[in-house]
Structures are given as structure tokens and as C-alpha cells.
Amino acid sequence: MSVNVGMWVKALQVIPRITREEWEKLDVISRWLISTRAAVLIMTFTSATIGGLLAARDGKFNVVLWLLVALGLVLAHALNNLLNDLTDYERGIDENNYFRAQYGPHPLQQGLMTRRQLLTYAAVTGALALAAGLYLVFLRGWLALVLLALGAFFVFFYTYPLKYIGLGEAAVLLVWGPLMIGGSYFVITGEWSWMAVLAGLPYALGPTTVIYGKHIDKLDADRQKGVRTLPVIIGEKAARASVRVMIVLMYALVAVLVLVGYFTPAMLIVFFALRYLPETWKMLGSPRPSEPPAERKDIWPLWFVAANFYHNRVYGMLFLLGLIADAILRNTLLK
């Protein structure tokens, strides 16, 4: 078993489809990256970085604390993905070629690892996340403990019962916004800021559109399995319309924060992401096709989630660039 850096890079970009034979040849890092669906962890890293950049624009950035909170959050997200697979597997949700096993390797369902092996991955991942969190609690006190407890609640209870009762989507918005961005800002600066929470909300809507898209994609399968996600409850048409509203808010909130003077006009760089929006917008205007279109077979069975993820990745990169420029302007030219 040799180190496969190429697979590390690939697993950070997409969720690779691999055979059992290919899995057996992978190193432990590659297996961890694939089993935790590392490609989506970038959304968590982005939220932590937004919290750090908001601290930087206020002249209170600390690189060590940012690295610790970013590491802790990414590991917590990875733990949640492992537990998500374990929970759904044990509840029988992932049987019979369920959506999860179609878009990427499901370590348990496909026999790539045993339950004990997955629990070992989860234990090590969780222990490292907890160690980072406890140090930050020691440093920042009771509010950091509250944030850690809330994070643990969502890690362990997002998959069941929250996702099953239409609260999973709201949980994502709360986690990627107030908890991650607001929490990162607090840990780095030692101060809680509702303005930092509000400033991070445009990006937090992005991961919410991604999970919303995923739940629309597997709406029929979830309905049959008794998983009552919000799209199952309100229907596909209303769910697709909801995603469009969230996308509009991603841009509108930035514009408002620029108009009121919280952000400098540098943040308007996010509007360049509109160049990549037409295809996503068009896809959201119609029901999910029953068969993969010829030109989209590479992403199937992902559909709305793939479109939303791509848009969110571009938007997130531009949001970070805008914040960097905003911080430089506030700390140099505008002083």
C-alpha cells in the first residue's frame, strides 16, 4: 500500500467512484478522504476562513486560533459524514441501490470497510476534533463550551432525527452561518459579533442550497424510505423555488451590506459568480429528469446538488477574495 497523492487531490475535488480492487490499494489517508466525502469539506473550511477574514478586517486576526478552529470544524464535518453513513446504513436506508450509493462509494454498503473500521475512523476523527474544541473552550470560556455543545448536537443528531423531520436544511443554515462563521470569529477575537454572523449569512445560504439540491435529487427515494426532508414535505416545485430565493438572497444581502457601509464595494466581486449561474438557474426551473441527459451523464445521479455545488464553489471563492480585499482596504487605505 503506497501513498497516492493523486488520489488525495482527486478526493478533495470530487467524490471518486472506485472499485473494491482499487480501494484495497489505497493508503489510509485516501480512504479517509473518500469515506468522509472530503470534496464537500471545502464548504466548512470556507466558513471558518470567512470567520477568520472578518476578524482580520477588524484587526484581530490570530493565525494559530484560526488554524485550530478550521481544523476542528473540518474534522467535525468529516465525523458527521461518517456517522451519517453509519446511521442510514443501520436503519436500512441505503439498501437497494439508494441514492447515496449511486453517486459515490458507500464504505459500509459496498463492503469496502467493516462497521468496526468505520467506527475507528470516526473515533480518531472525533477525538481530534474534540481536542481542538476543548483547547478553545479552555481559552475562551463558557460561550465556546456552548458553541462546542451545539456543534456536537448537530454532528450526532443531524442525520437522525433532524433530517427525518424536515429540520435538516435549517440545521445546515444555522451550522454554516452562526455556528461556524460566528463561532470562528468569536474564537479568534474573543468577542461575539452579530454583524459577523450577518456578514457570513450570504455564504451560509450556499451550503444550504447544496443540501437542498441533494434532498430534491433524492426526493422520491426519501419518500419511499420514510425520510421526510423538507423537499419531501413541501414538494419538488416549491423546493426548487426555495433554492432560487436563497440564491437571490446570497447576492442581495451582500449588496445591502455594501450599501449600509459594513462592506466596502470590494465585496461586489461576488457578482462575477453570476456568470456561472444561468445553467443552474435553468436547471432549477424544471423538474429533475427521470433519465440522465446525454450531456450530463458524468454527474448523474447528481443533478440539482451538482449545479448548486458548482455555483457555491465559485461564489465562495469570490466571497473570500472580496473579504481579503475588504480587509486590506479597511486596514490600510481607509485608516
Protein backbone atom coordinates (compact mmCIF):
# COMPACT_ATOMS: atom_id res chain seq x y z
CA MET A 1 0.00 0.00 0.00
CA SER A 2 1.71 3.18 -1.19
CA VAL A 3 0.85 6.84 -0.68
CA ASN A 4 -1.31 8.12 -3.51
CA VAL A 5 -1.12 11.90 -3.53
CA GLY A 6 -3.01 11.98 -6.81
CA MET A 7 -6.00 10.35 -5.12
CA TRP A 8 -5.78 12.86 -2.25
CA VAL A 9 -6.10 15.69 -4.75
CA LYS A 10 -8.92 13.96 -6.63
CA ALA A 11 -10.86 13.18 -3.45
CA LEU A 12 -10.66 16.85 -2.44
CA GLN A 13 -12.18 17.87 -5.78
CA VAL A 14 -14.84 15.23 -6.44
CA ILE A 15 -16.30 12.12 -4.82
CA PRO A 16 -14.47 9.46 -6.86
CA ARG A 17 -16.15 6.27 -7.98
CA ILE A 18 -13.84 3.34 -7.29
CA THR A 19 -13.98 -0.45 -7.30
CA ARG A 20 -13.22 -2.71 -4.37
CA GLU A 21 -9.93 -3.68 -6.03
CA GLU A 22 -8.94 -0.02 -6.30
CA TRP A 23 -9.97 0.59 -2.69
CA GLU A 24 -7.72 -2.23 -1.44
CA LYS A 25 -4.70 -0.49 -2.98
CA LEU A 26 -5.37 2.88 -1.35
CA ASP A 27 -3.43 4.33 1.59
CA VAL A 28 -5.25 5.22 4.81
CA ILE A 29 -5.43 8.95 4.01
CA SER A 30 -7.06 8.29 0.64
CA ARG A 31 -9.59 6.00 2.29
CA TRP A 32 -10.35 8.60 4.94
CA LEU A 33 -10.80 11.33 2.34
CA ILE A 34 -13.15 9.19 0.25
CA SER A 35 -15.19 7.83 3.16
CA THR A 36 -15.66 11.32 4.64
CA ARG A 37 -16.59 12.76 1.21
CA ALA A 38 -13.75 15.27 1.55
CA ALA A 39 -14.78 17.23 -1.56
CA VAL A 40 -17.64 18.82 0.40
CA LEU A 41 -15.46 19.67 3.41
CA ILE A 42 -14.29 22.72 1.46
CA MET A 43 -17.59 24.39 2.41
CA THR A 44 -16.71 24.08 6.10
CA PHE A 45 -13.16 25.32 5.53
CA THR A 46 -14.62 28.29 3.66
CA SER A 47 -16.94 29.17 6.57
CA ALA A 48 -14.05 29.02 9.05
CA THR A 49 -11.95 31.18 6.73
CA ILE A 50 -14.76 33.73 6.42
CA GLY A 51 -14.80 33.98 10.22
CA GLY A 52 -11.04 34.49 10.15
CA LEU A 53 -11.17 37.18 7.47
CA LEU A 54 -13.94 39.03 9.29
CA ALA A 55 -11.64 39.04 12.32
CA ALA A 56 -8.78 40.29 10.12
CA ARG A 57 -10.85 43.21 8.79
CA ASP A 58 -11.40 44.20 12.42
CA GLY A 59 -7.66 43.99 13.07
CA LYS A 60 -7.96 40.98 15.41
CA PHE A 61 -6.72 38.02 13.35
CA ASN A 62 -4.75 35.22 15.03
CA VAL A 63 -3.40 32.59 12.65
CA VAL A 64 -2.95 29.88 15.30
CA LEU A 65 -6.51 30.19 16.58
CA TRP A 66 -7.84 30.27 13.02
CA LEU A 67 -5.96 27.09 12.14
CA LEU A 68 -7.29 25.35 15.27
CA VAL A 69 -10.90 26.32 14.71
CA ALA A 70 -10.72 25.48 10.99
CA LEU A 71 -9.20 22.07 11.75
CA GLY A 72 -11.77 21.35 14.45
CA LEU A 73 -14.70 22.30 12.23
CA VAL A 74 -13.48 20.34 9.20
CA LEU A 75 -12.92 17.25 11.35
CA ALA A 76 -16.36 17.65 12.93
CA HIS A 77 -17.93 17.79 9.46
CA ALA A 78 -15.96 14.71 8.44
CA LEU A 79 -17.19 12.92 11.56
CA ASN A 80 -20.77 13.85 10.71
CA ASN A 81 -20.39 12.36 7.22
CA LEU A 82 -19.07 9.11 8.67
CA LEU A 83 -21.89 8.92 11.21
CA ASN A 84 -24.41 9.82 8.51
CA ASP A 85 -23.39 6.75 6.50
CA LEU A 86 -23.38 4.58 9.61
CA THR A 87 -26.81 5.73 10.80
CA ASP A 88 -28.53 5.38 7.43
CA TYR A 89 -26.84 2.01 6.84
CA GLU A 90 -28.02 0.61 10.16
CA ARG A 91 -31.54 1.92 9.60
CA GLY A 92 -31.64 0.18 6.22
CA ILE A 93 -31.96 3.44 4.30
CA ASP A 94 -29.02 2.78 1.99
CA GLU A 95 -30.20 -0.63 0.79
CA ASN A 96 -31.38 -1.45 -2.75
CA ASN A 97 -29.15 0.98 -4.66
CA TYR A 98 -30.34 4.03 -2.70
CA PHE A 99 -29.20 7.44 -3.95
CA ARG A 100 -26.21 7.64 -1.59
CA ALA A 101 -24.59 4.54 -3.08
CA GLN A 102 -25.09 5.76 -6.65
CA TYR A 103 -23.07 8.98 -6.62
CA GLY A 104 -20.04 7.73 -4.71
CA PRO A 105 -18.61 4.80 -2.77
CA HIS A 106 -20.53 3.89 0.38
CA PRO A 107 -17.88 2.15 2.51
CA LEU A 108 -20.34 0.05 4.52
CA GLN A 109 -22.99 -0.67 1.91
CA GLN A 110 -20.39 -1.73 -0.65
CA GLY A 111 -18.33 -3.73 1.81
CA LEU A 112 -15.25 -1.53 1.47
CA MET A 113 -14.87 -1.41 5.23
CA THR A 114 -16.44 -3.07 8.23
CA ARG A 115 -18.57 -1.33 10.84
CA ARG A 116 -15.65 -1.59 13.26
CA GLN A 117 -13.28 0.04 10.79
CA LEU A 118 -15.68 2.91 10.16
CA LEU A 119 -16.14 3.40 13.90
CA THR A 120 -12.35 3.52 14.26
CA TYR A 121 -12.17 6.24 11.60
CA ALA A 122 -14.97 8.08 13.39
CA ALA A 123 -13.34 7.74 16.81
CA VAL A 124 -9.98 9.11 15.66
CA THR A 125 -11.62 11.91 13.68
CA GLY A 126 -13.91 12.82 16.57
CA ALA A 127 -11.10 12.71 19.13
CA LEU A 128 -9.00 15.15 17.12
CA ALA A 129 -11.99 17.47 16.62
CA LEU A 130 -12.81 17.31 20.33
CA ALA A 131 -9.19 18.02 21.33
CA ALA A 132 -9.17 21.20 19.23
CA GLY A 133 -12.57 22.19 20.62
CA LEU A 134 -11.65 21.62 24.27
CA TYR A 135 -8.49 23.70 23.92
CA LEU A 136 -10.56 26.55 22.51
CA VAL A 137 -13.07 26.15 25.37
CA PHE A 138 -10.18 26.38 27.83
CA LEU A 139 -9.05 29.54 26.08
CA ARG A 140 -12.42 31.28 25.54
CA GLY A 141 -14.64 30.02 28.33
CA TRP A 142 -18.33 29.25 28.67
CA LEU A 143 -19.54 30.62 25.32
CA ALA A 144 -17.04 28.44 23.50
CA LEU A 145 -18.39 25.48 25.51
CA VAL A 146 -21.94 26.35 24.40
CA LEU A 147 -20.79 26.50 20.78
CA LEU A 148 -18.98 23.17 21.15
CA ALA A 149 -22.09 21.57 22.66
CA LEU A 150 -24.28 22.89 19.84
CA GLY A 151 -21.80 21.61 17.28
CA ALA A 152 -21.81 18.17 18.90
CA PHE A 153 -25.62 18.16 18.89
CA PHE A 154 -25.76 18.76 15.15
CA VAL A 155 -22.97 16.26 14.44
CA PHE A 156 -24.79 13.46 16.24
CA PHE A 157 -28.42 14.33 15.56
CA TYR A 158 -28.45 15.89 12.08
CA THR A 159 -28.85 12.54 10.30
CA TYR A 160 -31.45 11.30 12.78
CA PRO A 161 -33.84 12.72 13.73
CA LEU A 162 -33.39 16.24 12.25
CA LYS A 163 -33.07 15.16 8.60
CA TYR A 164 -36.04 12.84 9.01
CA ILE A 165 -38.43 15.55 10.23
CA GLY A 166 -37.73 18.39 7.80
CA LEU A 167 -35.23 20.22 10.00
CA GLY A 168 -32.01 19.18 8.29
CA GLU A 169 -31.98 22.13 5.89
CA ALA A 170 -32.49 24.67 8.69
CA ALA A 171 -29.74 22.94 10.65
CA VAL A 172 -27.31 23.43 7.76
CA LEU A 173 -28.08 27.15 7.61
CA LEU A 174 -27.54 27.51 11.36
CA VAL A 175 -24.35 25.47 11.37
CA TRP A 176 -22.62 27.03 8.35
CA GLY A 177 -23.67 30.54 9.42
CA PRO A 178 -23.93 31.48 13.12
CA LEU A 179 -22.17 28.40 14.46
CA MET A 180 -19.22 28.18 12.08
CA ILE A 181 -18.73 31.77 10.92
CA GLY A 182 -19.91 33.49 14.09
CA GLY A 183 -18.14 30.89 16.20
CA SER A 184 -14.87 31.21 14.30
CA TYR A 185 -14.97 34.99 14.68
CA PHE A 186 -15.59 34.64 18.42
CA VAL A 187 -12.83 32.09 18.98
CA ILE A 188 -10.30 34.21 17.10
CA THR A 189 -11.25 37.60 18.59
CA GLY A 190 -12.74 36.67 21.95
CA GLU A 191 -15.83 38.71 21.08
CA TRP A 192 -19.23 37.63 19.80
CA SER A 193 -20.47 39.73 16.86
CA TRP A 194 -23.95 39.54 15.36
CA MET A 195 -22.69 41.66 12.49
CA ALA A 196 -20.13 38.95 11.72
CA VAL A 197 -22.98 36.42 11.74
CA LEU A 198 -25.00 38.61 9.37
CA ALA A 199 -21.95 39.18 7.14
CA GLY A 200 -21.47 35.43 6.85
CA LEU A 201 -25.12 34.68 6.10
CA PRO A 202 -24.80 35.19 2.30
CA TYR A 203 -22.25 32.38 2.15
CA ALA A 204 -24.14 30.19 4.65
CA LEU A 205 -27.04 30.16 2.22
CA GLY A 206 -24.73 28.48 -0.31
CA PRO A 207 -24.21 25.18 1.57
CA THR A 208 -27.93 25.27 2.32
CA THR A 209 -28.70 25.33 -1.41
CA VAL A 210 -26.33 22.38 -1.85
CA ILE A 211 -28.04 20.18 0.76
CA TYR A 212 -31.42 21.36 -0.54
CA GLY A 213 -30.39 20.29 -4.04
CA LYS A 214 -29.29 16.90 -2.79
CA HIS A 215 -32.59 16.37 -0.99
CA ILE A 216 -34.54 17.35 -4.11
CA ASP A 217 -32.47 14.90 -6.17
CA LYS A 218 -33.37 12.02 -3.87
CA LEU A 219 -36.89 13.19 -3.05
CA ASP A 220 -38.65 10.10 -4.43
CA ALA A 221 -36.22 7.71 -2.78
CA ASP A 222 -36.54 9.53 0.55
CA ARG A 223 -40.33 9.50 0.37
CA GLN A 224 -40.30 5.74 -0.17
CA LYS A 225 -37.89 5.25 2.74
CA GLY A 226 -39.86 7.49 5.10
CA VAL A 227 -37.17 10.18 5.27
CA ARG A 228 -39.20 13.39 5.46
CA THR A 229 -36.72 16.03 4.34
CA LEU A 230 -38.13 19.49 3.67
CA PRO A 231 -38.38 18.90 -0.12
CA VAL A 232 -40.40 15.74 0.63
CA ILE A 233 -42.73 17.78 2.84
CA ILE A 234 -43.24 20.80 0.55
CA GLY A 235 -42.80 19.08 -2.84
CA GLU A 236 -40.23 19.42 -5.61
CA LYS A 237 -41.67 22.54 -7.25
CA ALA A 238 -41.74 24.55 -4.01
CA ALA A 239 -38.29 23.23 -3.09
CA ARG A 240 -36.80 24.33 -6.42
CA ALA A 241 -38.39 27.77 -5.97
CA SER A 242 -36.93 27.95 -2.45
CA VAL A 243 -33.43 27.35 -3.79
CA ARG A 244 -33.89 30.18 -6.28
CA VAL A 245 -34.93 32.51 -3.45
CA MET A 246 -31.86 31.55 -1.45
CA ILE A 247 -29.59 32.21 -4.42
CA VAL A 248 -31.11 35.68 -4.88
CA LEU A 249 -30.54 36.38 -1.18
CA MET A 250 -26.87 35.38 -1.50
CA TYR A 251 -26.35 38.38 -3.77
CA ALA A 252 -28.95 40.74 -2.32
CA LEU A 253 -27.54 40.54 1.23
CA VAL A 254 -24.05 41.40 0.02
CA ALA A 255 -25.43 44.40 -1.88
CA VAL A 256 -27.30 45.60 1.21
CA LEU A 257 -24.21 45.24 3.42
CA VAL A 258 -22.24 47.31 0.90
CA LEU A 259 -24.97 49.95 0.74
CA VAL A 260 -25.08 50.36 4.53
CA GLY A 261 -21.30 50.64 4.65
CA TYR A 262 -20.45 47.43 6.51
CA PHE A 263 -18.65 46.04 3.45
CA THR A 264 -16.58 48.10 1.05
CA PRO A 265 -17.51 47.85 -2.66
CA ALA A 266 -14.75 45.25 -2.96
CA MET A 267 -17.33 42.65 -1.88
CA LEU A 268 -19.29 43.23 -5.06
CA ILE A 269 -16.78 40.89 -6.70
CA VAL A 270 -19.18 38.08 -5.76
CA PHE A 271 -21.44 39.26 -8.59
CA PHE A 272 -18.94 37.80 -11.04
CA ALA A 273 -20.32 34.42 -9.95
CA LEU A 274 -23.48 35.35 -11.84
CA ARG A 275 -21.60 34.33 -14.96
CA TYR A 276 -21.84 30.71 -13.77
CA LEU A 277 -25.44 30.92 -12.60
CA PRO A 278 -27.58 30.68 -15.81
CA GLU A 279 -27.19 26.91 -16.19
CA THR A 280 -28.01 26.33 -12.51
CA TRP A 281 -30.98 28.70 -12.72
CA LYS A 282 -32.26 26.94 -15.83
CA MET A 283 -31.97 23.52 -14.20
CA LEU A 284 -33.91 24.74 -11.15
CA GLY A 285 -36.74 25.86 -13.42
CA SER A 286 -37.68 22.31 -14.44
CA PRO A 287 -38.32 19.01 -12.65
CA ARG A 288 -35.41 16.63 -12.30
CA PRO A 289 -35.23 14.42 -15.41
CA SER A 290 -36.04 10.76 -14.94
CA GLU A 291 -33.05 9.72 -17.06
CA PRO A 292 -29.61 11.31 -17.33
CA PRO A 293 -29.34 13.67 -20.32
CA ALA A 294 -26.58 12.64 -22.70
CA GLU A 295 -24.53 15.75 -21.96
CA ARG A 296 -24.81 15.28 -18.18
CA LYS A 297 -24.12 11.59 -17.71
CA ASP A 298 -20.85 12.44 -15.97
CA ILE A 299 -22.63 13.92 -12.93
CA TRP A 300 -25.67 11.59 -12.75
CA PRO A 301 -27.46 10.78 -10.44
CA LEU A 302 -26.41 14.16 -9.01
CA TRP A 303 -28.43 16.93 -10.62
CA PHE A 304 -29.57 19.92 -8.59
CA VAL A 305 -26.91 19.27 -5.95
CA ALA A 306 -24.16 19.27 -8.59
CA ALA A 307 -25.40 22.53 -10.09
CA ASN A 308 -25.72 24.21 -6.70
CA PHE A 309 -22.36 22.90 -5.51
CA TYR A 310 -20.57 24.27 -8.57
CA HIS A 311 -22.23 27.68 -8.20
CA ASN A 312 -21.49 27.75 -4.46
CA ARG A 313 -17.83 26.86 -5.01
CA VAL A 314 -17.35 29.78 -7.41
CA TYR A 315 -19.37 32.12 -5.18
CA GLY A 316 -17.40 31.03 -2.11
CA MET A 317 -14.01 31.67 -3.75
CA LEU A 318 -15.13 35.14 -4.84
CA PHE A 319 -16.58 35.83 -1.38
CA LEU A 320 -13.19 35.02 0.15
CA LEU A 321 -11.37 37.21 -2.39
CA GLY A 322 -13.79 40.03 -1.64
CA LEU A 323 -13.19 39.70 2.10
CA ILE A 324 -9.42 39.75 1.60
CA ALA A 325 -9.70 42.95 -0.45
CA ASP A 326 -12.19 44.38 2.05
CA ALA A 327 -9.82 43.69 4.96
CA ILE A 328 -6.88 45.27 3.13
CA LEU A 329 -8.90 48.36 2.28
CA ARG A 330 -10.14 48.82 5.85
CA ASN A 331 -6.76 48.23 7.45
CA THR A 332 -4.63 50.30 5.08
CA LEU A 333 -6.25 52.67 2.60
CA LEU A 334 -9.25 53.62 4.75
CA LYS A 335 -7.39 54.16 8.01
